């Protein structure tokens, strides 16, 4: 593996893998690009939820977080 690169192993079912392949194809991304985009979106959402928690309290933030799944 080249320096400066990190590998990430994702374990999923065959059905989930096919769904990821189809979604990546639909968005015209590589599988790696699709996964990276999804992870970065999730991080951004979590940061927004944390900011909301800071303003309004944990109860609303937790409810919103659960709706993301």
PDB file of N, CA and C in Angstrom:
ATOM      1  N   UNK A   1       0.841  -1.170   0.000  1.00  0.00           N
ATOM      2  CA  UNK A   1       0.000   0.000   0.000  1.00  0.00           C
ATOM      3  C   UNK A   1       0.890   1.239   0.000  1.00  0.00           C
ATOM      4  N   UNK A   2       0.482   2.260  -0.751  1.00  0.00           N
ATOM      5  CA  UNK A   2       1.264   3.484  -0.869  1.00  0.00           C
ATOM      6  C   UNK A   2       1.238   4.277   0.438  1.00  0.00           C
ATOM      7  N   UNK A   3       2.318   5.029   0.667  1.00  0.00           N
ATOM      8  CA  UNK A   3       2.366   5.877   1.861  1.00  0.00           C
ATOM      9  C   UNK A   3       1.287   6.941   1.782  1.00  0.00           C
ATOM     10  N   UNK A   4       0.762   7.315   2.952  1.00  0.00           N
ATOM     11  CA  UNK A   4      -0.231   8.360   3.001  1.00  0.00           C
ATOM     12  C   UNK A   4      -1.642   7.904   2.686  1.00  0.00           C
ATOM     13  N   UNK A   5      -1.825   6.622   2.489  1.00  0.00           N
ATOM     14  CA  UNK A   5      -3.161   6.106   2.190  1.00  0.00           C
ATOM     15  C   UNK A   5      -3.602   5.200   3.324  1.00  0.00           C
ATOM     16  N   UNK A   6      -4.885   5.166   3.535  1.00  0.00           N
ATOM     17  CA  UNK A   6      -5.450   4.335   4.581  1.00  0.00           C
ATOM     18  C   UNK A   6      -6.480   3.406   3.964  1.00  0.00           C
ATOM     19  N   UNK A   7      -6.467   2.173   4.402  1.00  0.00           N
ATOM     20  CA  UNK A   7      -7.455   1.207   3.919  1.00  0.00           C
ATOM     21  C   UNK A   7      -8.578   1.103   4.942  1.00  0.00           C
ATOM     22  N   UNK A   8      -9.771   0.905   4.447  1.00  0.00           N
ATOM     23  CA  UNK A   8     -10.932   0.738   5.303  1.00  0.00           C
ATOM     24  C   UNK A   8     -11.666  -0.506   4.828  1.00  0.00           C
ATOM     25  N   UNK A   9     -11.849  -1.436   5.714  1.00  0.00           N
ATOM     26  CA  UNK A   9     -12.566  -2.664   5.384  1.00  0.00           C
ATOM     27  C   UNK A   9     -14.007  -2.504   5.833  1.00  0.00           C
ATOM     28  N   UNK A  10     -14.922  -2.707   4.897  1.00  0.00           N
ATOM     29  CA  UNK A  10     -16.344  -2.600   5.199  1.00  0.00           C
ATOM     30  C   UNK A  10     -16.952  -3.978   5.029  1.00  0.00           C
ATOM     31  N   UNK A  11     -17.561  -4.474   6.074  1.00  0.00           N
ATOM     32  CA  UNK A  11     -18.196  -5.791   6.018  1.00  0.00           C
ATOM     33  C   UNK A  11     -19.694  -5.595   5.854  1.00  0.00           C
ATOM     34  N   UNK A  12     -20.244  -6.256   4.852  1.00  0.00           N
ATOM     35  CA  UNK A  12     -21.684  -6.162   4.624  1.00  0.00           C
ATOM     36  C   UNK A  12     -22.153  -7.424   3.904  1.00  0.00           C
ATOM     37  N   UNK A  13     -23.448  -7.572   3.811  1.00  0.00           N
ATOM     38  CA  UNK A  13     -24.003  -8.723   3.111  1.00  0.00           C
ATOM     39  C   UNK A  13     -23.838  -8.529   1.608  1.00  0.00           C
ATOM     40  N   UNK A  14     -24.026  -9.587   0.879  1.00  0.00           N
ATOM     41  CA  UNK A  14     -23.979  -9.493  -0.582  1.00  0.00           C
ATOM     42  C   UNK A  14     -25.031  -8.545  -1.121  1.00  0.00           C
ATOM     43  N   UNK A  15     -26.202  -8.567  -0.491  1.00  0.00           N
ATOM     44  CA  UNK A  15     -27.288  -7.667  -0.912  1.00  0.00           C
ATOM     45  C   UNK A  15     -26.928  -6.211  -0.659  1.00  0.00           C
ATOM     46  N   UNK A  16     -26.325  -5.937   0.503  1.00  0.00           N
ATOM     47  CA  UNK A  16     -25.906  -4.574   0.810  1.00  0.00           C
ATOM     48  C   UNK A  16     -24.809  -4.120  -0.149  1.00  0.00           C
ATOM     49  N   UNK A  17     -23.887  -5.015  -0.454  1.00  0.00           N
ATOM     50  CA  UNK A  17     -22.807  -4.683  -1.382  1.00  0.00           C
ATOM     51  C   UNK A  17     -23.367  -4.334  -2.757  1.00  0.00           C
ATOM     52  N   UNK A  18     -24.345  -5.095  -3.211  1.00  0.00           N
ATOM     53  CA  UNK A  18     -24.953  -4.816  -4.514  1.00  0.00           C
ATOM     54  C   UNK A  18     -25.693  -3.482  -4.486  1.00  0.00           C
ATOM     55  N   UNK A  19     -26.348  -3.177  -3.371  1.00  0.00           N
ATOM     56  CA  UNK A  19     -27.041  -1.893  -3.240  1.00  0.00           C
ATOM     57  C   UNK A  19     -26.038  -0.734  -3.301  1.00  0.00           C
ATOM     58  N   UNK A  20     -24.891  -0.902  -2.666  1.00  0.00           N
ATOM     59  CA  UNK A  20     -23.850   0.133  -2.706  1.00  0.00           C
ATOM     60  C   UNK A  20     -23.329   0.285  -4.129  1.00  0.00           C
ATOM     61  N   UNK A  21     -23.081  -0.831  -4.801  1.00  0.00           N
ATOM     62  CA  UNK A  21     -22.603  -0.768  -6.198  1.00  0.00           C
ATOM     63  C   UNK A  21     -23.597  -0.028  -7.081  1.00  0.00           C
ATOM     64  N   UNK A  22     -24.866  -0.351  -6.933  1.00  0.00           N
ATOM     65  CA  UNK A  22     -25.894   0.299  -7.751  1.00  0.00           C
ATOM     66  C   UNK A  22     -25.995   1.788  -7.437  1.00  0.00           C
ATOM     67  N   UNK A  23     -25.952   2.135  -6.154  1.00  0.00           N
ATOM     68  CA  UNK A  23     -26.034   3.545  -5.765  1.00  0.00           C
ATOM     69  C   UNK A  23     -24.827   4.319  -6.289  1.00  0.00           C
ATOM     70  N   UNK A  24     -23.642   3.723  -6.184  1.00  0.00           N
ATOM     71  CA  UNK A  24     -22.427   4.379  -6.685  1.00  0.00           C
ATOM     72  C   UNK A  24     -22.527   4.564  -8.201  1.00  0.00           C
ATOM     73  N   UNK A  25     -22.989   3.550  -8.884  1.00  0.00           N
ATOM     74  CA  UNK A  25     -23.155   3.633 -10.335  1.00  0.00           C
ATOM     75  C   UNK A  25     -24.160   4.736 -10.684  1.00  0.00           C
ATOM     76  N   UNK A  26     -25.251   4.793  -9.940  1.00  0.00           N
ATOM     77  CA  UNK A  26     -26.290   5.798 -10.183  1.00  0.00           C
ATOM     78  C   UNK A  26     -25.738   7.211 -10.009  1.00  0.00           C
ATOM     79  N   UNK A  27     -24.875   7.416  -9.028  1.00  0.00           N
ATOM     80  CA  UNK A  27     -24.280   8.725  -8.766  1.00  0.00           C
ATOM     81  C   UNK A  27     -23.008   8.953  -9.587  1.00  0.00           C
ATOM     82  N   UNK A  28     -22.679   7.970 -10.418  1.00  0.00           N
ATOM     83  CA  UNK A  28     -21.466   8.041 -11.263  1.00  0.00           C
ATOM     84  C   UNK A  28     -20.216   8.283 -10.430  1.00  0.00           C
ATOM     85  N   UNK A  29     -20.112   7.505  -9.361  1.00  0.00           N
ATOM     86  CA  UNK A  29     -18.959   7.553  -8.464  1.00  0.00           C
ATOM     87  C   UNK A  29     -18.327   6.177  -8.406  1.00  0.00           C
ATOM     88  N   UNK A  30     -17.065   6.152  -8.001  1.00  0.00           N
ATOM     89  CA  UNK A  30     -16.465   4.864  -7.668  1.00  0.00           C
ATOM     90  C   UNK A  30     -17.083   4.402  -6.356  1.00  0.00           C
ATOM     91  N   UNK A  31     -16.941   3.149  -6.038  1.00  0.00           N
ATOM     92  CA  UNK A  31     -17.461   2.653  -4.764  1.00  0.00           C
ATOM     93  C   UNK A  31     -16.765   3.382  -3.619  1.00  0.00           C
ATOM     94  N   UNK A  32     -15.460   3.548  -3.727  1.00  0.00           N
ATOM     95  CA  UNK A  32     -14.714   4.265  -2.691  1.00  0.00           C
ATOM     96  C   UNK A  32     -15.216   5.698  -2.554  1.00  0.00           C
ATOM     97  N   UNK A  33     -15.429   6.351  -3.679  1.00  0.00           N
ATOM     98  CA  UNK A  33     -15.921   7.724  -3.664  1.00  0.00           C
ATOM     99  C   UNK A  33     -17.312   7.816  -3.066  1.00  0.00           C
ATOM    100  N   UNK A  34     -18.152   6.851  -3.383  1.00  0.00           N
ATOM    101  CA  UNK A  34     -19.511   6.823  -2.841  1.00  0.00           C
ATOM    102  C   UNK A  34     -19.479   6.652  -1.325  1.00  0.00           C
ATOM    103  N   UNK A  35     -18.680   5.704  -0.847  1.00  0.00           N
ATOM    104  CA  UNK A  35     -18.577   5.457   0.598  1.00  0.00           C
ATOM    105  C   UNK A  35     -18.005   6.687   1.305  1.00  0.00           C
ATOM    106  N   UNK A  36     -16.952   7.276   0.748  1.00  0.00           N
ATOM    107  CA  UNK A  36     -16.351   8.465   1.354  1.00  0.00           C
ATOM    108  C   UNK A  36     -17.369   9.603   1.432  1.00  0.00           C
ATOM    109  N   UNK A  37     -18.103   9.810   0.353  1.00  0.00           N
ATOM    110  CA  UNK A  37     -19.127  10.855   0.331  1.00  0.00           C
ATOM    111  C   UNK A  37     -20.182  10.593   1.408  1.00  0.00           C
ATOM    112  N   UNK A  38     -20.625   9.352   1.538  1.00  0.00           N
ATOM    113  CA  UNK A  38     -21.627   8.997   2.552  1.00  0.00           C
ATOM    114  C   UNK A  38     -21.094   9.233   3.958  1.00  0.00           C
ATOM    115  N   UNK A  39     -19.855   8.860   4.196  1.00  0.00           N
ATOM    116  CA  UNK A  39     -19.258   9.043   5.527  1.00  0.00           C
ATOM    117  C   UNK A  39     -19.116  10.535   5.843  1.00  0.00           C
ATOM    118  N   UNK A  40     -18.646  11.316   4.897  1.00  0.00           N
ATOM    119  CA  UNK A  40     -18.487  12.752   5.135  1.00  0.00           C
ATOM    120  C   UNK A  40     -19.837  13.427   5.375  1.00  0.00           C
ATOM    121  N   UNK A  41     -20.873  12.983   4.651  1.00  0.00           N
ATOM    122  CA  UNK A  41     -22.215  13.514   4.894  1.00  0.00           C
ATOM    123  C   UNK A  41     -22.683  13.182   6.302  1.00  0.00           C
ATOM    124  N   UNK A  42     -22.426  11.959   6.731  1.00  0.00           N
ATOM    125  CA  UNK A  42     -22.844  11.546   8.080  1.00  0.00           C
ATOM    126  C   UNK A  42     -22.117  12.365   9.145  1.00  0.00           C
ATOM    127  N   UNK A  43     -20.831  12.617   8.936  1.00  0.00           N
ATOM    128  CA  UNK A  43     -20.066  13.440   9.882  1.00  0.00           C
ATOM    129  C   UNK A  43     -20.645  14.851   9.939  1.00  0.00           C
ATOM    130  N   UNK A  44     -20.953  15.432   8.785  1.00  0.00           N
ATOM    131  CA  UNK A  44     -21.534  16.773   8.749  1.00  0.00           C
ATOM    132  C   UNK A  44     -22.873  16.797   9.488  1.00  0.00           C
ATOM    133  N   UNK A  45     -23.696  15.766   9.284  1.00  0.00           N
ATOM    134  CA  UNK A  45     -24.979  15.690   9.985  1.00  0.00           C
ATOM    135  C   UNK A  45     -24.785  15.588  11.485  1.00  0.00           C
ATOM    136  N   UNK A  46     -23.808  14.798  11.911  1.00  0.00           N
ATOM    137  CA  UNK A  46     -23.547  14.650  13.341  1.00  0.00           C
ATOM    138  C   UNK A  46     -23.087  15.975  13.956  1.00  0.00           C
ATOM    139  N   UNK A  47     -22.276  16.722  13.215  1.00  0.00           N
ATOM    140  CA  UNK A  47     -21.830  18.031  13.715  1.00  0.00           C
ATOM    141  C   UNK A  47     -23.011  18.986  13.857  1.00  0.00           C
ATOM    142  N   UNK A  48     -23.935  18.948  12.894  1.00  0.00           N
ATOM    143  CA  UNK A  48     -25.130  19.787  12.991  1.00  0.00           C
ATOM    144  C   UNK A  48     -25.963  19.385  14.200  1.00  0.00           C
ATOM    145  N   UNK A  49     -26.094  18.077  14.414  1.00  0.00           N
ATOM    146  CA  UNK A  49     -26.857  17.609  15.559  1.00  0.00           C
ATOM    147  C   UNK A  49     -26.207  18.024  16.871  1.00  0.00           C
ATOM    148  N   UNK A  50     -24.896  17.971  16.921  1.00  0.00           N
ATOM    149  CA  UNK A  50     -24.209  18.387  18.139  1.00  0.00           C
ATOM    150  C   UNK A  50     -24.416  19.875  18.400  1.00  0.00           C
ATOM    151  N   UNK A  51     -24.371  20.668  17.340  1.00  0.00           N
ATOM    152  CA  UNK A  51     -24.622  22.107  17.505  1.00  0.00           C
ATOM    153  C   UNK A  51     -26.045  22.331  17.992  1.00  0.00           C
ATOM    154  N   UNK A  52     -26.993  21.574  17.461  1.00  0.00           N
ATOM    155  CA  UNK A  52     -28.386  21.680  17.911  1.00  0.00           C
ATOM    156  C   UNK A  52     -28.506  21.273  19.377  1.00  0.00           C
ATOM    157  N   UNK A  53     -27.784  20.235  19.750  1.00  0.00           N
ATOM    158  CA  UNK A  53     -27.795  19.798  21.147  1.00  0.00           C
ATOM    159  C   UNK A  53     -27.275  20.888  22.069  1.00  0.00           C
ATOM    160  N   UNK A  54     -26.244  21.563  21.618  1.00  0.00           N
ATOM    161  CA  UNK A  54     -25.672  22.641  22.437  1.00  0.00           C
ATOM    162  C   UNK A  54     -26.694  23.753  22.656  1.00  0.00           C
ATOM    163  N   UNK A  55     -27.538  23.992  21.649  1.00  0.00           N
ATOM    164  CA  UNK A  55     -28.525  25.066  21.749  1.00  0.00           C
ATOM    165  C   UNK A  55     -29.799  24.643  22.484  1.00  0.00           C
ATOM    166  N   UNK A  56     -30.298  23.446  22.194  1.00  0.00           N
ATOM    167  CA  UNK A  56     -31.634  23.089  22.671  1.00  0.00           C
ATOM    168  C   UNK A  56     -31.662  21.969  23.701  1.00  0.00           C
ATOM    169  N   UNK A  57     -30.601  21.247  23.833  1.00  0.00           N
ATOM    170  CA  UNK A  57     -30.591  20.140  24.786  1.00  0.00           C
ATOM    171  C   UNK A  57     -30.574  18.795  24.077  1.00  0.00           C
ATOM    172  N   UNK A  58     -30.154  17.800  24.812  1.00  0.00           N
ATOM    173  CA  UNK A  58     -29.905  16.475  24.251  1.00  0.00           C
ATOM    174  C   UNK A  58     -31.158  15.810  23.686  1.00  0.00           C
ATOM    175  N   UNK A  59     -32.292  16.023  24.281  1.00  0.00           N
ATOM    176  CA  UNK A  59     -33.501  15.294  23.903  1.00  0.00           C
ATOM    177  C   UNK A  59     -33.835  15.461  22.418  1.00  0.00           C
ATOM    178  N   UNK A  60     -33.860  16.679  21.923  1.00  0.00           N
ATOM    179  CA  UNK A  60     -34.174  16.909  20.513  1.00  0.00           C
ATOM    180  C   UNK A  60     -33.085  16.350  19.600  1.00  0.00           C
ATOM    181  N   UNK A  61     -31.825  16.529  19.978  1.00  0.00           N
ATOM    182  CA  UNK A  61     -30.719  16.052  19.152  1.00  0.00           C
ATOM    183  C   UNK A  61     -30.748  14.532  19.025  1.00  0.00           C
ATOM    184  N   UNK A  62     -31.039  13.835  20.098  1.00  0.00           N
ATOM    185  CA  UNK A  62     -31.094  12.373  20.055  1.00  0.00           C
ATOM    186  C   UNK A  62     -32.232  11.927  19.167  1.00  0.00           C
ATOM    187  N   UNK A  63     -33.374  12.560  19.255  1.00  0.00           N
ATOM    188  CA  UNK A  63     -34.515  12.200  18.410  1.00  0.00           C
ATOM    189  C   UNK A  63     -34.175  12.406  16.941  1.00  0.00           C
ATOM    190  N   UNK A  64     -33.501  13.488  16.624  1.00  0.00           N
ATOM    191  CA  UNK A  64     -33.115  13.757  15.237  1.00  0.00           C
ATOM    192  C   UNK A  64     -32.077  12.753  14.765  1.00  0.00           C
ATOM    193  N   UNK A  65     -31.156  12.400  15.634  1.00  0.00           N
ATOM    194  CA  UNK A  65     -30.118  11.432  15.289  1.00  0.00           C
ATOM    195  C   UNK A  65     -30.718  10.086  14.958  1.00  0.00           C
ATOM    196  N   UNK A  66     -31.709   9.680  15.723  1.00  0.00           N
ATOM    197  CA  UNK A  66     -32.334   8.384  15.490  1.00  0.00           C
ATOM    198  C   UNK A  66     -33.072   8.356  14.167  1.00  0.00           C
ATOM    199  N   UNK A  67     -33.543   9.496  13.684  1.00  0.00           N
ATOM    200  CA  UNK A  67     -34.263   9.534  12.419  1.00  0.00           C
ATOM    201  C   UNK A  67     -33.322   9.387  11.226  1.00  0.00           C
ATOM    202  N   UNK A  68     -32.012   9.550  11.412  1.00  0.00           N
ATOM    203  CA  UNK A  68     -31.057   9.411  10.322  1.00  0.00           C
ATOM    204  C   UNK A  68     -30.824   7.965   9.920  1.00  0.00           C
ATOM    205  N   UNK A  69     -31.077   7.040  10.821  1.00  0.00           N
ATOM    206  CA  UNK A  69     -30.792   5.632  10.545  1.00  0.00           C
ATOM    207  C   UNK A  69     -31.793   4.980   9.659  1.00  0.00           C
TER     208      UNK A  69
END
